Amino acid sequence: MKAFLKYREIWLLAATVVLIGLISTRFPAFADPGNLRQVFNDTSILMILALGQMVVILTRSIDLSMASNLCFTGMVVAMLNAAHPAIPIPLLIVIALVVGLVLGAINGLLVWRLNIPSIVVTLGTLTIYRGATFVLSGGAWVNADKMSPDFIGFQRAAFLGIPVLSWIAILVIALFFVLMTRTALGRSIYAIGVNPTASVYAGIDVGRTKFIVFCISGMIGGLSGYLWISRYVIASVEVANGYELNIIAACVIGGISIAGGIGSVGGAVLGALFLGIISNALPVINISPFWQMAISGSAIILAVVLNARSERQQGRIILRKVEAVT
């Protein structure tokens, strides 16, 4: 069990491989490289969102508004594209990032300056951003016939046989890996999650760091807004409704501790991929959607149990060390 907990990502990868093997016994084509590339592509947006949520959770916070951010930002860029189809796609992506950043900064400021618990703040902004989407659009939808071919086709284009959406996910994964393992901000994020009080004495501005991670999650929500709308070619107030639960589930399954301070980029990606495989495979082998929900829920509960056991064991080790010294 200790080895399992120590190398969580390795065992999660092994579980994912076993899952693919089990599915292949019913549907052999599922394990084909081409199909697995498609599964990765289908899961790319969830991976990107899970990484944005990860940095927030590591600081003992949570962002419940990411899906609503995605919905609002997606509506903004969809309406812009419908009204001004000549706007270049890179500029639309920049606009999506900026809008997402603003929404994330609102969350961060409320948590930082007013010291309101993040779950309360983002539960409120979740509803506010959905309502703002309705006000902005007047309740109308933006359908595929109103979107430009470039808006829809950008992420569907392939480079080296891999869709651009997958390349975007790979780039985001690489950026987060560098952020969390090679920068002072990444170390500060982990430190705050482990011990906020000690972080203050170490010279870390806890409030400002939390503000930054909410800005990061906001930008990720904004980027995903464009990716989601251009992929599913419809913008409405119902887009990604309830998807925040999938995002958090991917983090938890990936070993990101809700108590903060424990988790990795690899874990978040594998957690999202695990859910992506379930959602792609179970309908193919004729398993009811209700069983899909039950399997996903069971995986979440098991992950929480493993995380809790890991944290309790770490606590006991610390106590033994203290007793030995005294």
C-alpha atoms as a PDB file:
ATOM      1  CA  MET A   1       0.000   0.000   0.000  1.00  0.00           C
ATOM      2  CA  LYS A   2       2.836   2.420   0.783  1.00  0.00           C
ATOM      3  CA  ALA A   3       4.371   1.819  -2.625  1.00  0.00           C
ATOM      4  CA  PHE A   4       0.959   2.329  -4.228  1.00  0.00           C
ATOM      5  CA  LEU A   5       0.502   5.633  -2.477  1.00  0.00           C
ATOM      6  CA  LYS A   6       4.064   6.737  -3.182  1.00  0.00           C
ATOM      7  CA  TYR A   7       3.830   6.068  -6.931  1.00  0.00           C
ATOM      8  CA  ARG A   8       0.215   7.015  -7.447  1.00  0.00           C
ATOM      9  CA  GLU A   9       0.649   8.155 -11.042  1.00  0.00           C
ATOM     10  CA  ILE A  10       2.338   4.893 -12.069  1.00  0.00           C
ATOM     11  CA  TRP A  11      -0.505   2.831 -10.652  1.00  0.00           C
ATOM     12  CA  LEU A  12      -3.119   5.098 -12.155  1.00  0.00           C
ATOM     13  CA  LEU A  13      -1.445   4.643 -15.530  1.00  0.00           C
ATOM     14  CA  ALA A  14      -1.448   0.883 -14.964  1.00  0.00           C
ATOM     15  CA  ALA A  15      -5.146   0.983 -14.052  1.00  0.00           C
ATOM     16  CA  THR A  16      -5.837   2.930 -17.242  1.00  0.00           C
ATOM     17  CA  VAL A  17      -3.987   0.334 -19.329  1.00  0.00           C
ATOM     18  CA  VAL A  18      -5.923  -2.474 -17.616  1.00  0.00           C
ATOM     19  CA  LEU A  19      -9.180  -0.627 -18.288  1.00  0.00           C
ATOM     20  CA  ILE A  20      -8.295  -0.346 -21.975  1.00  0.00           C
ATOM     21  CA  GLY A  21      -7.460  -4.056 -22.009  1.00  0.00           C
ATOM     22  CA  LEU A  22     -10.772  -5.015 -20.427  1.00  0.00           C
ATOM     23  CA  ILE A  23     -12.707  -2.856 -22.865  1.00  0.00           C
ATOM     24  CA  SER A  24     -10.762  -4.405 -25.758  1.00  0.00           C
ATOM     25  CA  THR A  25     -12.052  -7.846 -24.826  1.00  0.00           C
ATOM     26  CA  ARG A  26     -15.527  -6.613 -25.799  1.00  0.00           C
ATOM     27  CA  PHE A  27     -14.505  -4.139 -28.495  1.00  0.00           C
ATOM     28  CA  PRO A  28     -11.054  -5.063 -29.926  1.00  0.00           C
ATOM     29  CA  ALA A  29     -10.783  -1.948 -32.093  1.00  0.00           C
ATOM     30  CA  PHE A  30     -10.802   0.266 -29.000  1.00  0.00           C
ATOM     31  CA  ALA A  31      -7.075  -0.318 -28.401  1.00  0.00           C
ATOM     32  CA  ASP A  32      -6.082   0.644 -31.944  1.00  0.00           C
ATOM     33  CA  PRO A  33      -3.620   3.584 -31.956  1.00  0.00           C
ATOM     34  CA  GLY A  34      -5.934   5.634 -34.123  1.00  0.00           C
ATOM     35  CA  ASN A  35      -8.836   5.174 -31.737  1.00  0.00           C
ATOM     36  CA  LEU A  36      -6.680   5.942 -28.695  1.00  0.00           C
ATOM     37  CA  ARG A  37      -5.551   9.165 -30.377  1.00  0.00           C
ATOM     38  CA  GLN A  38      -9.211  10.041 -30.833  1.00  0.00           C
ATOM     39  CA  VAL A  39      -9.927   9.284 -27.155  1.00  0.00           C
ATOM     40  CA  PHE A  40      -7.040  11.568 -26.162  1.00  0.00           C
ATOM     41  CA  ASN A  41      -8.398  14.274 -28.449  1.00  0.00           C
ATOM     42  CA  ASP A  42     -11.918  13.875 -27.033  1.00  0.00           C
ATOM     43  CA  THR A  43     -10.524  14.216 -23.500  1.00  0.00           C
ATOM     44  CA  SER A  44      -8.216  17.148 -24.240  1.00  0.00           C
ATOM     45  CA  ILE A  45     -10.573  19.854 -22.968  1.00  0.00           C
ATOM     46  CA  LEU A  46     -11.167  17.994 -19.700  1.00  0.00           C
ATOM     47  CA  MET A  47      -7.398  17.590 -19.253  1.00  0.00           C
ATOM     48  CA  ILE A  48      -6.846  21.316 -19.758  1.00  0.00           C
ATOM     49  CA  LEU A  49      -9.618  22.216 -17.301  1.00  0.00           C
ATOM     50  CA  ALA A  50      -8.338  19.704 -14.726  1.00  0.00           C
ATOM     51  CA  LEU A  51      -4.921  21.357 -14.779  1.00  0.00           C
ATOM     52  CA  GLY A  52      -6.499  24.754 -14.134  1.00  0.00           C
ATOM     53  CA  GLN A  53      -8.482  23.304 -11.255  1.00  0.00           C
ATOM     54  CA  MET A  54      -5.419  21.496  -9.919  1.00  0.00           C
ATOM     55  CA  VAL A  55      -3.461  24.649  -9.084  1.00  0.00           C
ATOM     56  CA  VAL A  56      -6.455  26.000  -7.169  1.00  0.00           C
ATOM     57  CA  ILE A  57      -7.046  22.813  -5.189  1.00  0.00           C
ATOM     58  CA  LEU A  58      -3.359  22.566  -4.272  1.00  0.00           C
ATOM     59  CA  THR A  59      -3.733  25.847  -2.338  1.00  0.00           C
ATOM     60  CA  ARG A  60      -6.643  24.418  -0.289  1.00  0.00           C
ATOM     61  CA  SER A  61      -9.184  26.262  -2.431  1.00  0.00           C
ATOM     62  CA  ILE A  62     -11.644  25.251  -5.134  1.00  0.00           C
ATOM     63  CA  ASP A  63     -13.098  26.865  -8.244  1.00  0.00           C
ATOM     64  CA  LEU A  64     -16.683  25.788  -8.925  1.00  0.00           C
ATOM     65  CA  SER A  65     -17.139  28.440 -11.601  1.00  0.00           C
ATOM     66  CA  MET A  66     -14.814  27.051 -14.292  1.00  0.00           C
ATOM     67  CA  ALA A  67     -17.631  25.541 -16.378  1.00  0.00           C
ATOM     68  CA  SER A  68     -19.646  28.772 -16.128  1.00  0.00           C
ATOM     69  CA  ASN A  69     -16.536  30.732 -17.119  1.00  0.00           C
ATOM     70  CA  LEU A  70     -16.221  28.396 -20.109  1.00  0.00           C
ATOM     71  CA  CYS A  71     -19.879  28.997 -21.014  1.00  0.00           C
ATOM     72  CA  PHE A  72     -19.680  32.796 -20.797  1.00  0.00           C
ATOM     73  CA  THR A  73     -16.352  33.088 -22.610  1.00  0.00           C
ATOM     74  CA  GLY A  74     -17.491  30.664 -25.289  1.00  0.00           C
ATOM     75  CA  MET A  75     -20.589  32.767 -25.878  1.00  0.00           C
ATOM     76  CA  VAL A  76     -18.478  35.937 -26.138  1.00  0.00           C
ATOM     77  CA  VAL A  77     -16.164  34.540 -28.817  1.00  0.00           C
ATOM     78  CA  ALA A  78     -19.036  32.828 -30.666  1.00  0.00           C
ATOM     79  CA  MET A  79     -21.020  36.074 -30.865  1.00  0.00           C
ATOM     80  CA  LEU A  80     -17.908  37.987 -31.932  1.00  0.00           C
ATOM     81  CA  ASN A  81     -17.231  35.462 -34.671  1.00  0.00           C
ATOM     82  CA  ALA A  82     -20.859  35.539 -35.831  1.00  0.00           C
ATOM     83  CA  ALA A  83     -20.860  39.348 -35.987  1.00  0.00           C
ATOM     84  CA  HIS A  84     -17.294  39.785 -37.300  1.00  0.00           C
ATOM     85  CA  PRO A  85     -16.160  36.599 -39.056  1.00  0.00           C
ATOM     86  CA  ALA A  86     -13.021  38.331 -40.330  1.00  0.00           C
ATOM     87  CA  ILE A  87     -11.488  38.460 -36.835  1.00  0.00           C
ATOM     88  CA  PRO A  88      -8.460  36.108 -36.899  1.00  0.00           C
ATOM     89  CA  ILE A  89      -8.765  32.966 -34.781  1.00  0.00           C
ATOM     90  CA  PRO A  90      -5.559  33.693 -32.804  1.00  0.00           C
ATOM     91  CA  LEU A  91      -7.053  37.049 -31.795  1.00  0.00           C
ATOM     92  CA  LEU A  92     -10.296  35.333 -30.719  1.00  0.00           C
ATOM     93  CA  ILE A  93      -8.258  32.950 -28.586  1.00  0.00           C
ATOM     94  CA  VAL A  94      -6.458  35.899 -26.977  1.00  0.00           C
ATOM     95  CA  ILE A  95      -9.834  37.535 -26.292  1.00  0.00           C
ATOM     96  CA  ALA A  96     -11.060  34.280 -24.711  1.00  0.00           C
ATOM     97  CA  LEU A  97      -7.974  34.170 -22.485  1.00  0.00           C
ATOM     98  CA  VAL A  98      -8.458  37.795 -21.403  1.00  0.00           C
ATOM     99  CA  VAL A  99     -12.172  37.370 -20.660  1.00  0.00           C
ATOM    100  CA  GLY A 100     -11.428  34.206 -18.699  1.00  0.00           C
ATOM    101  CA  LEU A 101      -8.652  36.012 -16.848  1.00  0.00           C
ATOM    102  CA  VAL A 102     -11.047  38.777 -15.801  1.00  0.00           C
ATOM    103  CA  LEU A 103     -13.594  36.273 -14.500  1.00  0.00           C
ATOM    104  CA  GLY A 104     -10.898  34.377 -12.631  1.00  0.00           C
ATOM    105  CA  ALA A 105      -9.503  37.617 -11.196  1.00  0.00           C
ATOM    106  CA  ILE A 106     -12.940  38.454  -9.771  1.00  0.00           C
ATOM    107  CA  ASN A 107     -12.903  35.150  -7.897  1.00  0.00           C
ATOM    108  CA  GLY A 108      -9.336  35.718  -6.767  1.00  0.00           C
ATOM    109  CA  LEU A 109      -9.964  39.229  -5.493  1.00  0.00           C
ATOM    110  CA  LEU A 110     -12.971  38.131  -3.441  1.00  0.00           C
ATOM    111  CA  VAL A 111     -10.975  35.303  -1.904  1.00  0.00           C
ATOM    112  CA  TRP A 112      -7.863  37.421  -1.357  1.00  0.00           C
ATOM    113  CA  ARG A 113      -9.115  40.828  -0.308  1.00  0.00           C
ATOM    114  CA  LEU A 114     -12.385  39.915   1.416  1.00  0.00           C
ATOM    115  CA  ASN A 115     -11.129  36.596   2.794  1.00  0.00           C
ATOM    116  CA  ILE A 116     -14.300  34.800   1.714  1.00  0.00           C
ATOM    117  CA  PRO A 117     -14.019  30.989   1.445  1.00  0.00           C
ATOM    118  CA  SER A 118     -13.414  30.000  -2.168  1.00  0.00           C
ATOM    119  CA  ILE A 119     -16.282  27.518  -2.224  1.00  0.00           C
ATOM    120  CA  VAL A 120     -18.714  30.320  -1.295  1.00  0.00           C
ATOM    121  CA  VAL A 121     -17.246  32.777  -3.786  1.00  0.00           C
ATOM    122  CA  THR A 122     -17.209  30.408  -6.742  1.00  0.00           C
ATOM    123  CA  LEU A 123     -20.613  28.958  -5.916  1.00  0.00           C
ATOM    124  CA  GLY A 124     -21.926  32.506  -6.262  1.00  0.00           C
ATOM    125  CA  THR A 125     -19.986  33.390  -9.405  1.00  0.00           C
ATOM    126  CA  LEU A 126     -21.014  30.056 -10.929  1.00  0.00           C
ATOM    127  CA  THR A 127     -24.576  31.355 -10.991  1.00  0.00           C
ATOM    128  CA  ILE A 128     -23.600  34.929 -11.859  1.00  0.00           C
ATOM    129  CA  TYR A 129     -21.562  33.906 -14.916  1.00  0.00           C
ATOM    130  CA  ARG A 130     -24.399  31.664 -16.150  1.00  0.00           C
ATOM    131  CA  GLY A 131     -26.832  34.524 -15.711  1.00  0.00           C
ATOM    132  CA  ALA A 132     -24.458  36.888 -17.497  1.00  0.00           C
ATOM    133  CA  THR A 133     -24.333  34.455 -20.419  1.00  0.00           C
ATOM    134  CA  PHE A 134     -28.127  34.579 -20.682  1.00  0.00           C
ATOM    135  CA  VAL A 135     -28.168  38.382 -20.501  1.00  0.00           C
ATOM    136  CA  LEU A 136     -25.400  38.679 -23.101  1.00  0.00           C
ATOM    137  CA  SER A 137     -27.087  36.347 -25.579  1.00  0.00           C
ATOM    138  CA  GLY A 138     -30.678  37.209 -24.752  1.00  0.00           C
ATOM    139  CA  GLY A 139     -31.288  33.500 -24.365  1.00  0.00           C
ATOM    140  CA  ALA A 140     -30.471  32.894 -28.033  1.00  0.00           C
ATOM    141  CA  TRP A 141     -28.139  30.218 -29.361  1.00  0.00           C
ATOM    142  CA  VAL A 142     -25.228  30.655 -31.744  1.00  0.00           C
ATOM    143  CA  ASN A 143     -25.352  27.689 -34.100  1.00  0.00           C
ATOM    144  CA  ALA A 144     -22.876  26.261 -36.580  1.00  0.00           C
ATOM    145  CA  ASP A 145     -24.444  28.149 -39.499  1.00  0.00           C
ATOM    146  CA  LYS A 146     -23.509  31.447 -37.830  1.00  0.00           C
ATOM    147  CA  MET A 147     -19.877  30.460 -37.203  1.00  0.00           C
ATOM    148  CA  SER A 148     -17.121  30.941 -39.752  1.00  0.00           C
ATOM    149  CA  PRO A 149     -15.382  27.885 -41.258  1.00  0.00           C
ATOM    150  CA  ASP A 150     -12.079  28.985 -39.691  1.00  0.00           C
ATOM    151  CA  PHE A 151     -13.693  29.229 -36.240  1.00  0.00           C
ATOM    152  CA  ILE A 152     -14.939  25.647 -36.509  1.00  0.00           C
ATOM    153  CA  GLY A 153     -12.037  24.139 -38.421  1.00  0.00           C
ATOM    154  CA  PHE A 154      -8.992  25.538 -36.578  1.00  0.00           C
ATOM    155  CA  GLN A 155      -8.740  22.887 -33.888  1.00  0.00           C
ATOM    156  CA  ARG A 156      -9.833  20.136 -36.290  1.00  0.00           C
ATOM    157  CA  ALA A 157      -6.833  20.678 -38.539  1.00  0.00           C
ATOM    158  CA  ALA A 158      -4.116  18.052 -38.158  1.00  0.00           C
ATOM    159  CA  PHE A 159      -0.373  18.431 -37.700  1.00  0.00           C
ATOM    160  CA  LEU A 160       1.780  15.289 -37.999  1.00  0.00           C
ATOM    161  CA  GLY A 161      -1.426  13.280 -38.009  1.00  0.00           C
ATOM    162  CA  ILE A 162      -2.595  14.695 -34.666  1.00  0.00           C
ATOM    163  CA  PRO A 163      -5.455  17.236 -34.351  1.00  0.00           C
ATOM    164  CA  VAL A 164      -4.548  20.768 -33.282  1.00  0.00           C
ATOM    165  CA  LEU A 165      -6.770  20.355 -30.203  1.00  0.00           C
ATOM    166  CA  SER A 166      -4.511  17.545 -28.981  1.00  0.00           C
ATOM    167  CA  TRP A 167      -1.431  19.674 -29.625  1.00  0.00           C
ATOM    168  CA  ILE A 168      -2.965  22.499 -27.606  1.00  0.00           C
ATOM    169  CA  ALA A 169      -3.548  20.060 -24.732  1.00  0.00           C
ATOM    170  CA  ILE A 170       0.043  18.810 -24.973  1.00  0.00           C
ATOM    171  CA  LEU A 171       1.330  22.391 -24.911  1.00  0.00           C
ATOM    172  CA  VAL A 172      -0.783  23.249 -21.858  1.00  0.00           C
ATOM    173  CA  ILE A 173       0.421  20.088 -20.077  1.00  0.00           C
ATOM    174  CA  ALA A 174       4.040  21.040 -20.789  1.00  0.00           C
ATOM    175  CA  LEU A 175       3.511  24.600 -19.541  1.00  0.00           C
ATOM    176  CA  PHE A 176       1.922  23.402 -16.311  1.00  0.00           C
ATOM    177  CA  PHE A 177       4.710  20.873 -15.786  1.00  0.00           C
ATOM    178  CA  VAL A 178       7.286  23.653 -16.033  1.00  0.00           C
ATOM    179  CA  LEU A 179       5.183  25.905 -13.790  1.00  0.00           C
ATOM    180  CA  MET A 180       4.793  23.328 -11.028  1.00  0.00           C
ATOM    181  CA  THR A 181       8.305  21.868 -11.084  1.00  0.00           C
ATOM    182  CA  ARG A 182      10.615  24.648 -12.236  1.00  0.00           C
ATOM    183  CA  THR A 183       9.254  27.945 -10.880  1.00  0.00           C
ATOM    184  CA  ALA A 184       9.028  29.726  -7.546  1.00  0.00           C
ATOM    185  CA  LEU A 185       5.265  30.107  -8.045  1.00  0.00           C
ATOM    186  CA  GLY A 186       4.872  26.348  -8.351  1.00  0.00           C
ATOM    187  CA  ARG A 187       6.814  25.773  -5.139  1.00  0.00           C
ATOM    188  CA  SER A 188       4.742  28.432  -3.400  1.00  0.00           C
ATOM    189  CA  ILE A 189       1.518  26.743  -4.484  1.00  0.00           C
ATOM    190  CA  TYR A 190       2.614  23.451  -2.950  1.00  0.00           C
ATOM    191  CA  ALA A 191       3.899  25.169   0.194  1.00  0.00           C
ATOM    192  CA  ILE A 192       0.599  26.937   0.817  1.00  0.00           C
ATOM    193  CA  GLY A 193      -1.265  23.671   0.494  1.00  0.00           C
ATOM    194  CA  VAL A 194       1.034  21.891   2.928  1.00  0.00           C
ATOM    195  CA  ASN A 195       1.091  24.638   5.579  1.00  0.00           C
ATOM    196  CA  PRO A 196      -0.275  28.163   4.942  1.00  0.00           C
ATOM    197  CA  THR A 197       1.004  29.503   8.258  1.00  0.00           C
ATOM    198  CA  ALA A 198       4.547  28.292   7.702  1.00  0.00           C
ATOM    199  CA  SER A 199       4.386  29.696   4.167  1.00  0.00           C
ATOM    200  CA  VAL A 200       3.849  33.182   5.576  1.00  0.00           C
ATOM    201  CA  TYR A 201       6.983  32.849   7.725  1.00  0.00           C
ATOM    202  CA  ALA A 202       8.835  31.646   4.609  1.00  0.00           C
ATOM    203  CA  GLY A 203       8.005  34.946   2.918  1.00  0.00           C
ATOM    204  CA  ILE A 204       5.194  33.696   0.669  1.00  0.00           C
ATOM    205  CA  ASP A 205       2.256  36.030   0.129  1.00  0.00           C
ATOM    206  CA  VAL A 206      -0.550  33.496   0.546  1.00  0.00           C
ATOM    207  CA  GLY A 207      -3.370  35.797  -0.521  1.00  0.00           C
ATOM    208  CA  ARG A 208      -1.600  37.031  -3.616  1.00  0.00           C
ATOM    209  CA  THR A 209      -0.621  33.498  -4.625  1.00  0.00           C
ATOM    210  CA  LYS A 210      -4.248  32.375  -4.335  1.00  0.00           C
ATOM    211  CA  PHE A 211      -5.254  35.340  -6.469  1.00  0.00           C
ATOM    212  CA  ILE A 212      -2.770  34.231  -9.129  1.00  0.00           C
ATOM    213  CA  VAL A 213      -4.012  30.632  -9.186  1.00  0.00           C
ATOM    214  CA  PHE A 214      -7.597  31.838  -9.658  1.00  0.00           C
ATOM    215  CA  CYS A 215      -6.367  33.987 -12.538  1.00  0.00           C
ATOM    216  CA  ILE A 216      -4.712  30.893 -14.020  1.00  0.00           C
ATOM    217  CA  SER A 217      -7.873  28.812 -13.657  1.00  0.00           C
ATOM    218  CA  GLY A 218      -9.848  31.672 -15.205  1.00  0.00           C
ATOM    219  CA  MET A 219      -7.568  31.809 -18.234  1.00  0.00           C
ATOM    220  CA  ILE A 220      -7.847  28.041 -18.620  1.00  0.00           C
ATOM    221  CA  GLY A 221     -11.640  28.359 -18.455  1.00  0.00           C
ATOM    222  CA  GLY A 222     -11.499  31.071 -21.113  1.00  0.00           C
ATOM    223  CA  LEU A 223      -9.298  29.036 -23.445  1.00  0.00           C
ATOM    224  CA  SER A 224     -11.590  26.041 -22.986  1.00  0.00           C
ATOM    225  CA  GLY A 225     -14.552  28.261 -23.839  1.00  0.00           C
ATOM    226  CA  TYR A 226     -13.313  28.727 -27.387  1.00  0.00           C
ATOM    227  CA  LEU A 227     -12.196  25.089 -27.692  1.00  0.00           C
ATOM    228  CA  TRP A 228     -15.557  23.756 -26.462  1.00  0.00           C
ATOM    229  CA  ILE A 229     -17.742  25.976 -28.656  1.00  0.00           C
ATOM    230  CA  SER A 230     -15.703  25.438 -31.804  1.00  0.00           C
ATOM    231  CA  ARG A 231     -15.646  21.682 -31.196  1.00  0.00           C
ATOM    232  CA  TYR A 232     -19.343  21.187 -30.481  1.00  0.00           C
ATOM    233  CA  VAL A 233     -20.409  24.109 -32.742  1.00  0.00           C
ATOM    234  CA  ILE A 234     -23.121  25.466 -30.489  1.00  0.00           C
ATOM    235  CA  ALA A 235     -23.098  28.240 -27.905  1.00  0.00           C
ATOM    236  CA  SER A 236     -25.909  28.464 -25.369  1.00  0.00           C
ATOM    237  CA  VAL A 237     -26.461  29.118 -21.691  1.00  0.00           C
ATOM    238  CA  GLU A 238     -26.588  25.335 -21.118  1.00  0.00           C
ATOM    239  CA  VAL A 239     -23.075  24.672 -22.409  1.00  0.00           C
ATOM    240  CA  ALA A 240     -20.997  22.563 -19.967  1.00  0.00           C
ATOM    241  CA  ASN A 241     -23.783  22.740 -17.389  1.00  0.00           C
ATOM    242  CA  GLY A 242     -22.660  20.657 -14.396  1.00  0.00           C
ATOM    243  CA  TYR A 243     -19.255  19.991 -15.980  1.00  0.00           C
ATOM    244  CA  GLU A 244     -17.451  21.404 -12.938  1.00  0.00           C
ATOM    245  CA  LEU A 245     -18.136  18.050 -11.261  1.00  0.00           C
ATOM    246  CA  ASN A 246     -16.226  16.229 -14.016  1.00  0.00           C
ATOM    247  CA  ILE A 247     -13.329  18.641 -13.632  1.00  0.00           C
ATOM    248  CA  ILE A 248     -13.081  18.102  -9.881  1.00  0.00           C
ATOM    249  CA  ALA A 249     -13.553  14.340 -10.331  1.00  0.00           C
ATOM    250  CA  ALA A 250     -10.606  14.216 -12.741  1.00  0.00           C
ATOM    251  CA  CYS A 251      -8.419  15.958 -10.149  1.00  0.00           C
ATOM    252  CA  VAL A 252      -9.515  13.716  -7.283  1.00  0.00           C
ATOM    253  CA  ILE A 253      -9.054  10.517  -9.296  1.00  0.00           C
ATOM    254  CA  GLY A 254      -5.645  11.828 -10.317  1.00  0.00           C
ATOM    255  CA  GLY A 255      -4.546  12.063  -6.687  1.00  0.00           C
ATOM    256  CA  ILE A 256      -4.967  15.799  -6.163  1.00  0.00           C
ATOM    257  CA  SER A 257      -5.774  16.119  -2.462  1.00  0.00           C
ATOM    258  CA  ILE A 258      -8.755  18.304  -1.613  1.00  0.00           C
ATOM    259  CA  ALA A 259      -6.836  19.188   1.573  1.00  0.00           C
ATOM    260  CA  GLY A 260      -4.171  20.801  -0.621  1.00  0.00           C
ATOM    261  CA  GLY A 261      -0.451  20.385  -1.134  1.00  0.00           C
ATOM    262  CA  ILE A 262      -0.521  16.916  -2.742  1.00  0.00           C
ATOM    263  CA  GLY A 263      -0.812  16.199  -6.446  1.00  0.00           C
ATOM    264  CA  SER A 264       0.938  16.463  -9.787  1.00  0.00           C
ATOM    265  CA  VAL A 265       0.391  17.466 -13.382  1.00  0.00           C
ATOM    266  CA  GLY A 266       0.686  13.838 -14.461  1.00  0.00           C
ATOM    267  CA  GLY A 267      -1.955  12.791 -11.950  1.00  0.00           C
ATOM    268  CA  ALA A 268      -4.453  15.402 -13.156  1.00  0.00           C
ATOM    269  CA  VAL A 269      -3.913  14.387 -16.786  1.00  0.00           C
ATOM    270  CA  LEU A 270      -4.288  10.674 -16.028  1.00  0.00           C
ATOM    271  CA  GLY A 271      -7.394  11.322 -13.939  1.00  0.00           C
ATOM    272  CA  ALA A 272      -8.994  13.150 -16.846  1.00  0.00           C
ATOM    273  CA  LEU A 273      -7.892  10.449 -19.274  1.00  0.00           C
ATOM    274  CA  PHE A 274      -9.385   7.743 -17.030  1.00  0.00           C
ATOM    275  CA  LEU A 275     -12.759   9.497 -17.091  1.00  0.00           C
ATOM    276  CA  GLY A 276     -12.413  10.097 -20.812  1.00  0.00           C
ATOM    277  CA  ILE A 277     -11.872   6.409 -21.491  1.00  0.00           C
ATOM    278  CA  ILE A 278     -14.937   5.533 -19.426  1.00  0.00           C
ATOM    279  CA  SER A 279     -17.148   8.058 -21.212  1.00  0.00           C
ATOM    280  CA  ASN A 280     -15.904   6.957 -24.653  1.00  0.00           C
ATOM    281  CA  ALA A 281     -15.899   3.204 -24.124  1.00  0.00           C
ATOM    282  CA  LEU A 282     -18.921   2.318 -22.035  1.00  0.00           C
ATOM    283  CA  PRO A 283     -21.523   3.467 -24.578  1.00  0.00           C
ATOM    284  CA  VAL A 284     -19.718   1.440 -27.249  1.00  0.00           C
ATOM    285  CA  ILE A 285     -20.029  -1.782 -25.239  1.00  0.00           C
ATOM    286  CA  ASN A 286     -23.702  -1.038 -24.543  1.00  0.00           C
ATOM    287  CA  ILE A 287     -23.453  -0.142 -20.860  1.00  0.00           C
ATOM    288  CA  SER A 288     -26.245   2.071 -19.569  1.00  0.00           C
ATOM    289  CA  PRO A 289     -25.450   5.749 -18.871  1.00  0.00           C
ATOM    290  CA  PHE A 290     -26.597   5.134 -15.301  1.00  0.00           C
ATOM    291  CA  TRP A 291     -23.868   2.508 -14.888  1.00  0.00           C
ATOM    292  CA  GLN A 292     -21.395   4.992 -16.354  1.00  0.00           C
ATOM    293  CA  MET A 293     -22.312   7.422 -13.588  1.00  0.00           C
ATOM    294  CA  ALA A 294     -22.043   4.672 -10.965  1.00  0.00           C
ATOM    295  CA  ILE A 295     -18.608   3.596 -12.211  1.00  0.00           C
ATOM    296  CA  SER A 296     -17.334   7.180 -12.276  1.00  0.00           C
ATOM    297  CA  GLY A 297     -18.734   7.807  -8.789  1.00  0.00           C
ATOM    298  CA  SER A 298     -17.130   4.630  -7.451  1.00  0.00           C
ATOM    299  CA  ALA A 299     -13.787   5.675  -8.909  1.00  0.00           C
ATOM    300  CA  ILE A 300     -14.093   9.056  -7.179  1.00  0.00           C
ATOM    301  CA  ILE A 301     -14.911   7.480  -3.799  1.00  0.00           C
ATOM    302  CA  LEU A 302     -12.000   5.039  -4.115  1.00  0.00           C
ATOM    303  CA  ALA A 303      -9.653   7.893  -5.004  1.00  0.00           C
ATOM    304  CA  VAL A 304     -10.796   9.942  -1.996  1.00  0.00           C
ATOM    305  CA  VAL A 305     -10.249   6.946   0.311  1.00  0.00           C
ATOM    306  CA  LEU A 306      -6.743   6.413  -1.040  1.00  0.00           C
ATOM    307  CA  ASN A 307      -5.941  10.118  -0.695  1.00  0.00           C
ATOM    308  CA  ALA A 308      -7.209  10.157   2.899  1.00  0.00           C
ATOM    309  CA  ARG A 309      -5.170   7.062   3.828  1.00  0.00           C
ATOM    310  CA  SER A 310      -2.072   8.626   2.319  1.00  0.00           C
ATOM    311  CA  GLU A 311      -2.507  11.857   4.283  1.00  0.00           C
ATOM    312  CA  ARG A 312      -3.138  10.008   7.586  1.00  0.00           C
ATOM    313  CA  GLN A 313      -0.045   7.882   7.089  1.00  0.00           C
ATOM    314  CA  GLN A 314       2.057  10.960   6.418  1.00  0.00           C
ATOM    315  CA  GLY A 315       0.706  12.522   9.602  1.00  0.00           C
ATOM    316  CA  ARG A 316       1.619   9.471  11.701  1.00  0.00           C
ATOM    317  CA  ILE A 317       5.146   9.452  10.286  1.00  0.00           C
ATOM    318  CA  ILE A 318       5.641  13.087  11.270  1.00  0.00           C
ATOM    319  CA  LEU A 319       4.421  12.387  14.806  1.00  0.00           C
ATOM    320  CA  ARG A 320       6.805   9.453  15.176  1.00  0.00           C
ATOM    321  CA  LYS A 321       9.702  11.605  14.104  1.00  0.00           C
ATOM    322  CA  VAL A 322       8.781  14.278  16.647  1.00  0.00           C
ATOM    323  CA  GLU A 323       8.488  11.688  19.409  1.00  0.00           C
ATOM    324  CA  ALA A 324      11.866  10.244  18.495  1.00  0.00           C
ATOM    325  CA  VAL A 325      13.504  13.644  18.758  1.00  0.00           C
ATOM    326  CA  THR A 326      11.892  14.484  22.098  1.00  0.00           C
END
